[in-house]
């Protein structure tokens, strides 16, 4: 150094006060922050568990068949603790079946056997809809207006008629969304 004193190890003094103040402040800030975070995390309540039990839609078909004559078809909203009121629709699958159990490619028209004068109506999709909601444990009215004879032909083939039912909850607009029908005043059309 050209002007002034020469510095040597003996003349140099290091001040540790600012360093210690910084270190103490950092430790204090870290302790307070982690303590508050830990207190916040441990002071929270246990999570609330919401248990939802979905409603059930369970229907059963009641048919009367004697001597190859199907004389009655109704659909019951099965009585169980989870069931709810429902709207019901039915289709009748009718097929000629040969002696080997093969379905024959013949169309069977059963429309003249179905009672559409009361609570049942034929939808554009081929299903028969029951107009009113069916309460738990109750049944629809009779679907058939005339008995269907389950004939047997000379070639061994016979007529099979199977009723297939579907149901959807009567609450809200589920029936309109699911089946595309109109519901007004609790009656579908």
N, C-alpha and C. Protein backbone atom coordinates (compact mmCIF):
# COMPACT_ATOMS: atom_id res chain seq x y z
N UNK A 1 0.85 -1.15 0.00
CA UNK A 1 0.00 0.00 0.00
C UNK A 1 0.89 1.22 0.00
N UNK A 2 0.62 2.06 -0.82
CA UNK A 2 1.51 3.19 -1.02
C UNK A 2 1.40 4.21 0.09
N UNK A 3 0.24 4.58 0.51
CA UNK A 3 0.09 5.57 1.57
C UNK A 3 -0.52 4.93 2.79
N UNK A 4 -0.13 5.24 3.92
CA UNK A 4 -0.74 4.77 5.15
C UNK A 4 -0.04 3.58 5.74
N UNK A 5 -0.74 2.95 6.66
CA UNK A 5 -0.16 1.83 7.40
C UNK A 5 -0.28 0.55 6.58
N UNK A 6 0.63 -0.30 6.91
CA UNK A 6 0.57 -1.62 6.33
C UNK A 6 -0.29 -2.49 7.23
N UNK A 7 -1.13 -3.28 6.60
CA UNK A 7 -1.98 -4.19 7.38
C UNK A 7 -1.29 -5.53 7.49
N UNK A 8 -1.38 -6.05 8.61
CA UNK A 8 -0.84 -7.38 8.84
C UNK A 8 -1.86 -8.14 9.69
N UNK A 9 -1.58 -9.40 9.90
CA UNK A 9 -2.50 -10.19 10.68
C UNK A 9 -2.63 -9.65 12.10
N UNK A 10 -1.66 -9.07 12.59
CA UNK A 10 -1.70 -8.56 13.95
C UNK A 10 -2.58 -7.32 14.04
N UNK A 11 -2.62 -6.48 13.03
CA UNK A 11 -3.36 -5.23 13.07
C UNK A 11 -4.84 -5.40 12.66
N UNK A 12 -5.19 -6.51 12.07
CA UNK A 12 -6.54 -6.68 11.55
C UNK A 12 -7.47 -7.17 12.66
N UNK A 13 -8.63 -6.52 12.79
CA UNK A 13 -9.63 -6.92 13.76
C UNK A 13 -10.92 -7.24 13.02
N UNK A 14 -11.47 -8.34 13.38
CA UNK A 14 -12.74 -8.73 12.76
C UNK A 14 -13.82 -8.51 13.80
N UNK A 15 -14.87 -7.80 13.36
CA UNK A 15 -15.99 -7.54 14.25
C UNK A 15 -17.02 -8.65 14.04
N UNK A 16 -17.35 -9.42 15.05
CA UNK A 16 -18.29 -10.52 14.95
C UNK A 16 -19.69 -10.12 15.39
N UNK A 17 -19.87 -8.95 15.92
CA UNK A 17 -21.17 -8.51 16.42
C UNK A 17 -22.24 -8.51 15.32
N UNK A 18 -22.02 -7.94 14.13
CA UNK A 18 -23.05 -7.98 13.10
C UNK A 18 -23.39 -9.42 12.66
N UNK A 19 -22.35 -10.26 12.56
CA UNK A 19 -22.58 -11.65 12.16
C UNK A 19 -23.43 -12.39 13.19
N UNK A 20 -23.13 -12.19 14.46
CA UNK A 20 -23.90 -12.83 15.52
C UNK A 20 -25.34 -12.32 15.56
N UNK A 21 -25.54 -11.06 15.32
CA UNK A 21 -26.90 -10.49 15.29
C UNK A 21 -27.71 -11.10 14.15
N UNK A 22 -27.09 -11.22 12.97
CA UNK A 22 -27.77 -11.83 11.82
C UNK A 22 -28.11 -13.30 12.11
N UNK A 23 -27.16 -14.05 12.67
CA UNK A 23 -27.37 -15.45 12.98
C UNK A 23 -28.49 -15.62 14.02
N UNK A 24 -28.50 -14.82 15.06
CA UNK A 24 -29.51 -14.89 16.11
C UNK A 24 -30.89 -14.56 15.54
N UNK A 25 -31.00 -13.53 14.70
CA UNK A 25 -32.27 -13.14 14.10
C UNK A 25 -32.80 -14.24 13.17
N UNK A 26 -31.93 -14.86 12.40
CA UNK A 26 -32.34 -15.93 11.48
C UNK A 26 -32.87 -17.14 12.25
N UNK A 27 -32.17 -17.51 13.31
CA UNK A 27 -32.61 -18.66 14.11
C UNK A 27 -33.94 -18.36 14.78
N UNK A 28 -34.09 -17.17 15.29
CA UNK A 28 -35.34 -16.78 15.95
C UNK A 28 -36.51 -16.78 14.95
N UNK A 29 -36.30 -16.22 13.77
CA UNK A 29 -37.34 -16.18 12.74
C UNK A 29 -37.72 -17.59 12.28
N UNK A 30 -36.74 -18.45 12.09
CA UNK A 30 -36.99 -19.83 11.68
C UNK A 30 -37.76 -20.58 12.77
N UNK A 31 -37.41 -20.38 14.01
CA UNK A 31 -38.10 -21.05 15.12
C UNK A 31 -39.56 -20.62 15.22
N UNK A 32 -39.81 -19.32 15.11
CA UNK A 32 -41.18 -18.81 15.22
C UNK A 32 -42.03 -19.31 14.06
N UNK A 33 -41.48 -19.26 12.84
CA UNK A 33 -42.24 -19.69 11.66
C UNK A 33 -42.55 -21.17 11.72
N UNK A 34 -41.60 -22.02 12.02
CA UNK A 34 -41.86 -23.45 12.07
C UNK A 34 -42.77 -23.79 13.24
N UNK A 35 -42.68 -23.10 14.34
CA UNK A 35 -43.57 -23.33 15.48
C UNK A 35 -45.01 -22.98 15.15
N UNK A 36 -45.22 -21.87 14.46
CA UNK A 36 -46.59 -21.49 14.07
C UNK A 36 -47.16 -22.49 13.06
N UNK A 37 -46.36 -22.94 12.11
CA UNK A 37 -46.82 -23.92 11.13
C UNK A 37 -47.20 -25.22 11.80
N UNK A 38 -46.35 -25.69 12.70
CA UNK A 38 -46.64 -26.93 13.43
C UNK A 38 -47.90 -26.77 14.28
N UNK A 39 -48.07 -25.64 14.93
CA UNK A 39 -49.27 -25.40 15.74
C UNK A 39 -50.52 -25.38 14.85
N UNK A 40 -50.44 -24.77 13.68
CA UNK A 40 -51.59 -24.71 12.77
C UNK A 40 -51.96 -26.11 12.28
N UNK A 41 -50.95 -26.91 11.92
CA UNK A 41 -51.22 -28.24 11.40
C UNK A 41 -51.78 -29.18 12.46
N UNK A 42 -51.31 -29.08 13.69
CA UNK A 42 -51.76 -30.00 14.73
C UNK A 42 -53.05 -29.53 15.40
N UNK A 43 -53.42 -28.27 15.28
CA UNK A 43 -54.63 -27.77 15.92
C UNK A 43 -55.87 -27.98 15.08
N UNK A 44 -55.73 -28.49 13.85
CA UNK A 44 -56.89 -28.70 12.98
C UNK A 44 -57.71 -29.89 13.46
N UNK A 45 -59.02 -29.83 13.23
CA UNK A 45 -59.92 -30.92 13.59
C UNK A 45 -59.66 -32.11 12.68
N UNK A 46 -60.11 -33.27 13.15
CA UNK A 46 -60.04 -34.47 12.33
C UNK A 46 -60.91 -34.27 11.09
N UNK A 47 -60.57 -34.89 9.99
CA UNK A 47 -61.40 -34.74 8.79
C UNK A 47 -62.79 -35.32 9.01
N UNK A 48 -63.77 -34.68 8.43
CA UNK A 48 -65.15 -35.14 8.50
C UNK A 48 -65.38 -36.15 7.39
N UNK A 49 -65.92 -37.29 7.75
CA UNK A 49 -66.21 -38.33 6.77
C UNK A 49 -67.71 -38.29 6.47
N UNK A 50 -68.05 -38.00 5.22
CA UNK A 50 -69.45 -37.98 4.79
C UNK A 50 -69.76 -39.30 4.11
N UNK A 51 -70.64 -40.05 4.71
CA UNK A 51 -71.03 -41.34 4.14
C UNK A 51 -72.35 -41.17 3.40
N UNK A 52 -72.33 -41.41 2.10
CA UNK A 52 -73.53 -41.30 1.29
C UNK A 52 -74.02 -42.69 0.92
N UNK A 53 -75.27 -42.93 1.14
CA UNK A 53 -75.88 -44.19 0.76
C UNK A 53 -76.79 -43.93 -0.43
N UNK A 54 -76.42 -44.42 -1.60
CA UNK A 54 -77.26 -44.15 -2.76
C UNK A 54 -78.59 -44.89 -2.66
N UNK A 55 -79.58 -44.30 -3.25
CA UNK A 55 -80.88 -44.96 -3.31
C UNK A 55 -80.80 -46.10 -4.31
N UNK A 56 -81.70 -47.02 -4.19
CA UNK A 56 -81.72 -48.16 -5.11
C UNK A 56 -82.96 -48.09 -5.98
N UNK A 57 -82.83 -48.58 -7.17
CA UNK A 57 -83.97 -48.71 -8.07
C UNK A 57 -84.03 -50.19 -8.42
N UNK A 58 -85.01 -50.88 -7.85
CA UNK A 58 -85.10 -52.32 -8.01
C UNK A 58 -86.55 -52.67 -8.33
N UNK A 59 -86.77 -53.19 -9.52
CA UNK A 59 -88.12 -53.56 -9.93
C UNK A 59 -88.16 -55.04 -10.29
N UNK A 60 -89.34 -55.61 -10.18
CA UNK A 60 -89.53 -57.01 -10.54
C UNK A 60 -90.78 -57.16 -11.40
N UNK A 61 -90.72 -58.09 -12.33
CA UNK A 61 -91.84 -58.33 -13.23
C UNK A 61 -92.66 -59.50 -12.70
N UNK A 62 -93.95 -59.31 -12.64
CA UNK A 62 -94.86 -60.38 -12.24
C UNK A 62 -95.68 -60.77 -13.47
N UNK A 63 -95.57 -62.03 -13.86
CA UNK A 63 -96.29 -62.53 -15.03
C UNK A 63 -97.12 -63.75 -14.63
N UNK A 64 -98.26 -63.86 -15.24
CA UNK A 64 -99.08 -65.06 -15.06
C UNK A 64 -99.11 -65.82 -16.38
N UNK A 65 -98.59 -67.05 -16.34
CA UNK A 65 -98.57 -67.89 -17.53
C UNK A 65 -99.12 -69.27 -17.13
N UNK A 66 -100.19 -69.67 -17.78
CA UNK A 66 -100.78 -70.99 -17.55
C UNK A 66 -101.20 -71.57 -18.88
N UNK A 67 -100.87 -72.84 -19.10
CA UNK A 67 -101.24 -73.54 -20.33
C UNK A 67 -100.84 -72.76 -21.59
N UNK A 68 -99.61 -72.25 -21.59
CA UNK A 68 -99.07 -71.48 -22.71
C UNK A 68 -99.85 -70.20 -23.01
N UNK A 69 -100.48 -69.66 -22.01
CA UNK A 69 -101.19 -68.38 -22.18
C UNK A 69 -100.66 -67.39 -21.14
N UNK A 70 -100.07 -66.30 -21.64
CA UNK A 70 -99.59 -65.22 -20.77
C UNK A 70 -100.74 -64.25 -20.61
N UNK A 71 -101.31 -64.22 -19.39
CA UNK A 71 -102.53 -63.43 -19.19
C UNK A 71 -102.32 -62.15 -18.40
N UNK A 72 -101.16 -62.00 -17.77
CA UNK A 72 -100.95 -60.81 -16.94
C UNK A 72 -99.48 -60.43 -16.90
N UNK A 73 -99.21 -59.11 -16.99
CA UNK A 73 -97.86 -58.58 -16.81
C UNK A 73 -97.98 -57.28 -16.02
N UNK A 74 -97.36 -57.25 -14.85
CA UNK A 74 -97.25 -56.02 -14.05
C UNK A 74 -95.81 -55.89 -13.59
N UNK A 75 -95.43 -54.69 -13.18
CA UNK A 75 -94.08 -54.45 -12.68
C UNK A 75 -94.18 -53.86 -11.28
N UNK A 76 -93.44 -54.47 -10.36
CA UNK A 76 -93.46 -54.02 -8.97
C UNK A 76 -92.19 -53.26 -8.63
N UNK A 77 -92.35 -52.16 -7.89
CA UNK A 77 -91.23 -51.44 -7.30
C UNK A 77 -90.93 -52.17 -5.99
N UNK A 78 -89.88 -52.98 -6.00
CA UNK A 78 -89.58 -53.89 -4.90
C UNK A 78 -89.43 -53.13 -3.59
N UNK A 79 -90.01 -53.70 -2.54
CA UNK A 79 -89.99 -53.08 -1.21
C UNK A 79 -88.69 -53.45 -0.49
N UNK A 80 -87.77 -52.50 -0.43
CA UNK A 80 -86.57 -52.68 0.40
C UNK A 80 -86.21 -51.32 1.00
N UNK A 81 -85.31 -51.31 1.93
CA UNK A 81 -85.03 -50.09 2.69
C UNK A 81 -84.34 -48.99 1.88
N UNK A 82 -83.75 -49.31 0.74
CA UNK A 82 -83.05 -48.30 -0.06
C UNK A 82 -83.83 -47.86 -1.29
N UNK A 83 -84.94 -48.51 -1.57
CA UNK A 83 -85.69 -48.21 -2.78
C UNK A 83 -86.46 -46.88 -2.65
N UNK A 84 -86.77 -46.28 -3.77
CA UNK A 84 -87.45 -45.00 -3.83
C UNK A 84 -88.56 -45.07 -4.88
N UNK A 85 -89.49 -44.11 -4.91
CA UNK A 85 -90.50 -44.09 -5.97
C UNK A 85 -89.84 -43.97 -7.36
N UNK A 86 -90.42 -44.67 -8.33
CA UNK A 86 -89.81 -44.73 -9.66
C UNK A 86 -90.85 -44.59 -10.77
N UNK A 87 -90.37 -44.21 -11.94
CA UNK A 87 -91.14 -44.33 -13.18
C UNK A 87 -90.64 -45.61 -13.86
N UNK A 88 -91.55 -46.28 -14.55
CA UNK A 88 -91.23 -47.58 -15.14
C UNK A 88 -91.58 -47.59 -16.62
N UNK A 89 -90.72 -48.28 -17.40
CA UNK A 89 -91.03 -48.55 -18.80
C UNK A 89 -90.73 -50.01 -19.08
N UNK A 90 -91.45 -50.57 -20.05
CA UNK A 90 -91.36 -52.01 -20.35
C UNK A 90 -91.29 -52.18 -21.86
N UNK A 91 -90.57 -53.19 -22.27
CA UNK A 91 -90.62 -53.64 -23.65
C UNK A 91 -90.90 -55.14 -23.63
N UNK A 92 -91.62 -55.60 -24.61
CA UNK A 92 -91.89 -57.02 -24.75
C UNK A 92 -91.06 -57.54 -25.92
N UNK A 93 -90.17 -58.47 -25.61
CA UNK A 93 -89.36 -59.10 -26.65
C UNK A 93 -90.06 -60.37 -27.06
N UNK A 94 -90.56 -60.41 -28.29
CA UNK A 94 -91.29 -61.57 -28.79
C UNK A 94 -90.52 -62.17 -29.95
N UNK A 95 -90.28 -63.46 -29.87
CA UNK A 95 -89.51 -64.16 -30.90
C UNK A 95 -90.07 -65.55 -31.14
N UNK A 96 -89.99 -65.97 -32.39
CA UNK A 96 -90.24 -67.36 -32.72
C UNK A 96 -88.91 -68.08 -32.56
N UNK A 97 -88.94 -69.21 -31.85
CA UNK A 97 -87.73 -69.97 -31.57
C UNK A 97 -87.91 -71.38 -32.09
N UNK A 98 -86.91 -71.88 -32.84
CA UNK A 98 -87.04 -73.24 -33.39
C UNK A 98 -86.74 -74.29 -32.32
N UNK A 99 -86.88 -75.56 -32.70
CA UNK A 99 -86.71 -76.67 -31.76
C UNK A 99 -85.30 -76.74 -31.18
N UNK A 100 -84.31 -76.17 -31.88
CA UNK A 100 -82.92 -76.18 -31.40
C UNK A 100 -82.60 -74.96 -30.54
N UNK A 101 -83.57 -74.07 -30.34
CA UNK A 101 -83.35 -72.89 -29.51
C UNK A 101 -82.86 -71.68 -30.27
N UNK A 102 -82.84 -71.74 -31.60
CA UNK A 102 -82.40 -70.62 -32.43
C UNK A 102 -83.56 -69.65 -32.66
N UNK A 103 -83.28 -68.37 -32.55
CA UNK A 103 -84.29 -67.35 -32.81
C UNK A 103 -84.48 -67.23 -34.32
N UNK A 104 -85.73 -67.29 -34.75
CA UNK A 104 -86.04 -67.19 -36.18
C UNK A 104 -86.23 -65.73 -36.57
N UNK A 105 -85.84 -65.37 -37.79
CA UNK A 105 -85.92 -63.97 -38.21
C UNK A 105 -87.33 -63.55 -38.66
N UNK A 106 -88.28 -63.69 -37.76
CA UNK A 106 -89.67 -63.30 -38.05
C UNK A 106 -90.07 -62.23 -37.05
N UNK A 107 -90.70 -61.20 -37.56
CA UNK A 107 -91.17 -60.12 -36.69
C UNK A 107 -92.50 -60.51 -36.05
N UNK A 108 -92.64 -60.19 -34.76
CA UNK A 108 -93.87 -60.49 -34.03
C UNK A 108 -94.43 -59.16 -33.51
N UNK A 109 -95.66 -58.87 -33.87
CA UNK A 109 -96.30 -57.62 -33.44
C UNK A 109 -97.27 -57.92 -32.30
N UNK A 110 -97.00 -57.37 -31.12
CA UNK A 110 -97.85 -57.59 -29.95
C UNK A 110 -98.66 -56.35 -29.58
N UNK A 111 -98.62 -55.33 -30.40
CA UNK A 111 -99.26 -54.06 -30.04
C UNK A 111 -100.76 -54.21 -29.75
N UNK A 112 -101.42 -55.15 -30.38
CA UNK A 112 -102.86 -55.31 -30.15
C UNK A 112 -103.17 -55.93 -28.78
N UNK A 113 -102.16 -56.45 -28.10
CA UNK A 113 -102.36 -57.06 -26.79
C UNK A 113 -102.11 -56.08 -25.63
N UNK A 114 -101.56 -54.91 -25.93
CA UNK A 114 -101.14 -53.96 -24.89
C UNK A 114 -102.25 -52.94 -24.62
N UNK A 115 -102.49 -52.69 -23.34
CA UNK A 115 -103.52 -51.73 -22.93
C UNK A 115 -102.91 -50.32 -22.85
N UNK A 116 -103.13 -49.54 -23.89
CA UNK A 116 -102.64 -48.15 -23.90
C UNK A 116 -103.78 -47.15 -23.67
N UNK A 117 -104.90 -47.64 -23.17
CA UNK A 117 -106.04 -46.74 -22.93
C UNK A 117 -106.00 -46.08 -21.56
N UNK A 118 -105.16 -46.59 -20.66
CA UNK A 118 -105.11 -46.06 -19.29
C UNK A 118 -103.76 -45.45 -18.96
N UNK A 119 -103.08 -46.10 -18.03
CA UNK A 119 -101.81 -45.57 -17.53
C UNK A 119 -100.61 -45.93 -18.39
N UNK A 120 -100.74 -46.79 -19.37
CA UNK A 120 -99.62 -47.16 -20.25
C UNK A 120 -99.73 -46.41 -21.57
N UNK A 121 -98.59 -45.99 -22.10
CA UNK A 121 -98.58 -45.41 -23.46
C UNK A 121 -97.33 -45.88 -24.18
N UNK A 122 -97.42 -45.95 -25.50
CA UNK A 122 -96.30 -46.37 -26.34
C UNK A 122 -95.47 -45.15 -26.71
N UNK A 123 -94.18 -45.19 -26.33
CA UNK A 123 -93.26 -44.11 -26.68
C UNK A 123 -92.72 -44.28 -28.09
N UNK A 124 -92.14 -43.22 -28.63
CA UNK A 124 -91.57 -43.25 -29.98
C UNK A 124 -90.41 -44.24 -30.08
N UNK A 125 -89.81 -44.60 -28.95
CA UNK A 125 -88.67 -45.51 -28.93
C UNK A 125 -89.08 -46.99 -28.83
N UNK A 126 -90.40 -47.27 -28.81
CA UNK A 126 -90.87 -48.65 -28.75
C UNK A 126 -91.13 -49.18 -27.35
N UNK A 127 -90.81 -48.39 -26.33
CA UNK A 127 -91.09 -48.81 -24.95
C UNK A 127 -92.51 -48.42 -24.57
N UNK A 128 -93.09 -49.19 -23.65
CA UNK A 128 -94.38 -48.85 -23.05
C UNK A 128 -94.09 -48.21 -21.70
N UNK A 129 -94.56 -46.99 -21.52
CA UNK A 129 -94.28 -46.20 -20.32
C UNK A 129 -95.50 -46.18 -19.41
N UNK A 130 -95.25 -46.35 -18.12
CA UNK A 130 -96.31 -46.20 -17.13
C UNK A 130 -96.34 -44.73 -16.73
N UNK A 131 -97.46 -44.09 -16.85
CA UNK A 131 -97.56 -42.63 -16.69
C UNK A 131 -97.26 -42.12 -15.28
N UNK A 132 -97.63 -42.87 -14.28
CA UNK A 132 -97.53 -42.40 -12.89
C UNK A 132 -96.30 -42.99 -12.20
N UNK A 133 -95.75 -42.29 -11.22
CA UNK A 133 -94.67 -42.90 -10.44
C UNK A 133 -95.23 -44.05 -9.60
N UNK A 134 -94.41 -45.07 -9.40
CA UNK A 134 -94.82 -46.24 -8.63
C UNK A 134 -94.09 -46.19 -7.28
N UNK A 135 -94.88 -46.16 -6.21
CA UNK A 135 -94.32 -46.10 -4.85
C UNK A 135 -93.64 -47.41 -4.49
N UNK A 136 -92.77 -47.36 -3.50
CA UNK A 136 -92.07 -48.55 -3.01
C UNK A 136 -93.09 -49.57 -2.53
N UNK A 137 -92.94 -50.80 -2.98
CA UNK A 137 -93.85 -51.88 -2.59
C UNK A 137 -95.11 -51.97 -3.42
N UNK A 138 -95.30 -51.07 -4.34
CA UNK A 138 -96.51 -51.07 -5.19
C UNK A 138 -96.16 -51.53 -6.61
N UNK A 139 -97.21 -51.79 -7.39
CA UNK A 139 -97.04 -52.27 -8.76
C UNK A 139 -97.75 -51.37 -9.76
N UNK A 140 -97.36 -51.51 -11.01
CA UNK A 140 -98.05 -50.82 -12.09
C UNK A 140 -99.41 -51.49 -12.28
N UNK A 141 -100.23 -50.86 -13.09
CA UNK A 141 -101.45 -51.52 -13.53
C UNK A 141 -101.11 -52.57 -14.56
N UNK A 142 -102.10 -53.32 -14.95
CA UNK A 142 -101.93 -54.40 -15.92
C UNK A 142 -101.48 -53.84 -17.28
N UNK A 143 -100.44 -54.46 -17.86
CA UNK A 143 -99.95 -54.05 -19.17
C UNK A 143 -100.78 -54.66 -20.31
N UNK A 144 -101.23 -55.87 -20.14
CA UNK A 144 -101.96 -56.57 -21.20
C UNK A 144 -103.46 -56.30 -21.13
N UNK A 145 -104.06 -56.12 -22.30
CA UNK A 145 -105.52 -56.02 -22.34
C UNK A 145 -106.14 -57.33 -22.82
N UNK A 146 -105.30 -58.19 -23.40
CA UNK A 146 -105.76 -59.50 -23.86
C UNK A 146 -104.63 -60.51 -23.63
N UNK A 147 -104.97 -61.74 -23.31
CA UNK A 147 -103.94 -62.77 -23.11
C UNK A 147 -103.19 -63.07 -24.41
N UNK A 148 -101.91 -63.40 -24.25
CA UNK A 148 -101.08 -63.78 -25.40
C UNK A 148 -100.90 -65.29 -25.38
N UNK A 149 -101.31 -65.94 -26.45
CA UNK A 149 -101.14 -67.39 -26.55
C UNK A 149 -99.73 -67.67 -27.07
N UNK A 150 -98.97 -68.40 -26.29
CA UNK A 150 -97.60 -68.76 -26.67
C UNK A 150 -97.68 -70.03 -27.53
N UNK A 151 -97.94 -69.81 -28.79
CA UNK A 151 -98.26 -70.88 -29.74
C UNK A 151 -97.06 -71.77 -30.02
N UNK A 152 -97.39 -72.99 -30.45
CA UNK A 152 -96.39 -73.91 -30.98
C UNK A 152 -96.82 -74.28 -32.39
N UNK A 153 -95.87 -74.28 -33.30
CA UNK A 153 -96.17 -74.61 -34.69
C UNK A 153 -95.82 -76.07 -34.99
N UNK A 154 -96.30 -76.51 -36.13
CA UNK A 154 -96.06 -77.90 -36.55
C UNK A 154 -94.58 -78.19 -36.76
N UNK A 155 -93.81 -77.16 -37.15
CA UNK A 155 -92.37 -77.37 -37.39
C UNK A 155 -91.55 -77.42 -36.10
N UNK A 156 -92.22 -77.33 -34.95
CA UNK A 156 -91.53 -77.40 -33.66
C UNK A 156 -91.14 -76.05 -33.09
N UNK A 157 -91.32 -74.99 -33.87
CA UNK A 157 -90.99 -73.66 -33.33
C UNK A 157 -92.12 -73.18 -32.42
N UNK A 158 -91.77 -72.29 -31.52
CA UNK A 158 -92.76 -71.76 -30.58
C UNK A 158 -92.51 -70.28 -30.33
N UNK A 159 -93.54 -69.60 -29.85
CA UNK A 159 -93.45 -68.17 -29.56
C UNK A 159 -92.98 -67.96 -28.12
N UNK A 160 -91.96 -67.13 -27.95
CA UNK A 160 -91.49 -66.73 -26.63
C UNK A 160 -91.70 -65.24 -26.47
N UNK A 161 -92.29 -64.83 -25.35
CA UNK A 161 -92.52 -63.42 -25.07
C UNK A 161 -91.90 -63.12 -23.70
N UNK A 162 -90.95 -62.21 -23.69
CA UNK A 162 -90.24 -61.84 -22.46
C UNK A 162 -90.46 -60.37 -22.18
N UNK A 163 -90.91 -60.07 -20.97
CA UNK A 163 -91.08 -58.67 -20.56
C UNK A 163 -89.77 -58.20 -19.92
N UNK A 164 -89.29 -57.04 -20.36
CA UNK A 164 -88.08 -56.43 -19.82
C UNK A 164 -88.43 -55.04 -19.30
N UNK A 165 -88.10 -54.79 -18.04
CA UNK A 165 -88.49 -53.51 -17.42
C UNK A 165 -87.27 -52.70 -17.04
N UNK A 166 -87.43 -51.39 -17.09
CA UNK A 166 -86.43 -50.44 -16.62
C UNK A 166 -87.12 -49.42 -15.73
N UNK A 167 -86.37 -48.86 -14.80
CA UNK A 167 -86.94 -47.87 -13.89
C UNK A 167 -85.94 -46.75 -13.66
N UNK A 168 -86.47 -45.57 -13.35
CA UNK A 168 -85.64 -44.42 -13.02
C UNK A 168 -86.35 -43.67 -11.90
N UNK A 169 -85.56 -43.05 -11.03
CA UNK A 169 -86.15 -42.36 -9.88
C UNK A 169 -87.18 -41.32 -10.30
N UNK A 170 -88.20 -41.17 -9.46
CA UNK A 170 -89.28 -40.24 -9.76
C UNK A 170 -88.94 -38.82 -9.29
N UNK A 171 -87.93 -38.64 -8.48
CA UNK A 171 -87.57 -37.32 -7.97
C UNK A 171 -86.82 -36.51 -9.02
N UNK A 172 -87.03 -35.20 -8.97
CA UNK A 172 -86.32 -34.30 -9.87
C UNK A 172 -86.72 -34.52 -11.32
N UNK A 173 -85.79 -34.21 -12.21
CA UNK A 173 -86.07 -34.35 -13.64
C UNK A 173 -85.31 -35.53 -14.25
N UNK A 174 -85.01 -36.53 -13.43
CA UNK A 174 -84.24 -37.69 -13.91
C UNK A 174 -84.94 -38.42 -15.05
N UNK A 175 -86.26 -38.56 -14.97
CA UNK A 175 -86.98 -39.29 -16.01
C UNK A 175 -86.92 -38.54 -17.35
N UNK A 176 -86.96 -37.23 -17.31
CA UNK A 176 -86.87 -36.45 -18.55
C UNK A 176 -85.47 -36.56 -19.15
N UNK A 177 -84.45 -36.49 -18.29
CA UNK A 177 -83.07 -36.57 -18.78
C UNK A 177 -82.72 -37.96 -19.28
N UNK A 178 -83.16 -38.99 -18.55
CA UNK A 178 -82.79 -40.37 -18.91
C UNK A 178 -83.55 -40.90 -20.11
N UNK A 179 -84.85 -40.59 -20.18
CA UNK A 179 -85.69 -41.21 -21.21
C UNK A 179 -86.21 -40.23 -22.25
N UNK A 180 -86.02 -38.95 -22.06
CA UNK A 180 -86.47 -37.97 -23.04
C UNK A 180 -87.98 -37.81 -23.11
N UNK A 181 -88.67 -38.10 -22.02
CA UNK A 181 -90.13 -37.92 -21.96
C UNK A 181 -90.43 -36.58 -21.28
N UNK A 182 -91.68 -36.18 -21.33
CA UNK A 182 -92.12 -34.96 -20.66
C UNK A 182 -92.82 -35.35 -19.37
N UNK A 183 -92.51 -34.62 -18.31
CA UNK A 183 -93.15 -34.89 -17.01
C UNK A 183 -93.80 -33.58 -16.55
N UNK A 184 -95.11 -33.64 -16.35
CA UNK A 184 -95.85 -32.47 -15.87
C UNK A 184 -96.82 -32.92 -14.79
N UNK A 185 -96.70 -32.32 -13.62
CA UNK A 185 -97.60 -32.67 -12.52
C UNK A 185 -97.44 -34.12 -12.06
N UNK A 186 -96.26 -34.69 -12.22
CA UNK A 186 -96.01 -36.06 -11.80
C UNK A 186 -96.43 -37.11 -12.80
N UNK A 187 -96.94 -36.70 -13.96
CA UNK A 187 -97.38 -37.64 -14.99
C UNK A 187 -96.47 -37.49 -16.20
N UNK A 188 -95.97 -38.62 -16.70
CA UNK A 188 -95.11 -38.55 -17.89
C UNK A 188 -95.94 -38.80 -19.15
N UNK A 189 -95.46 -38.22 -20.22
CA UNK A 189 -96.13 -38.41 -21.52
C UNK A 189 -95.10 -38.31 -22.62
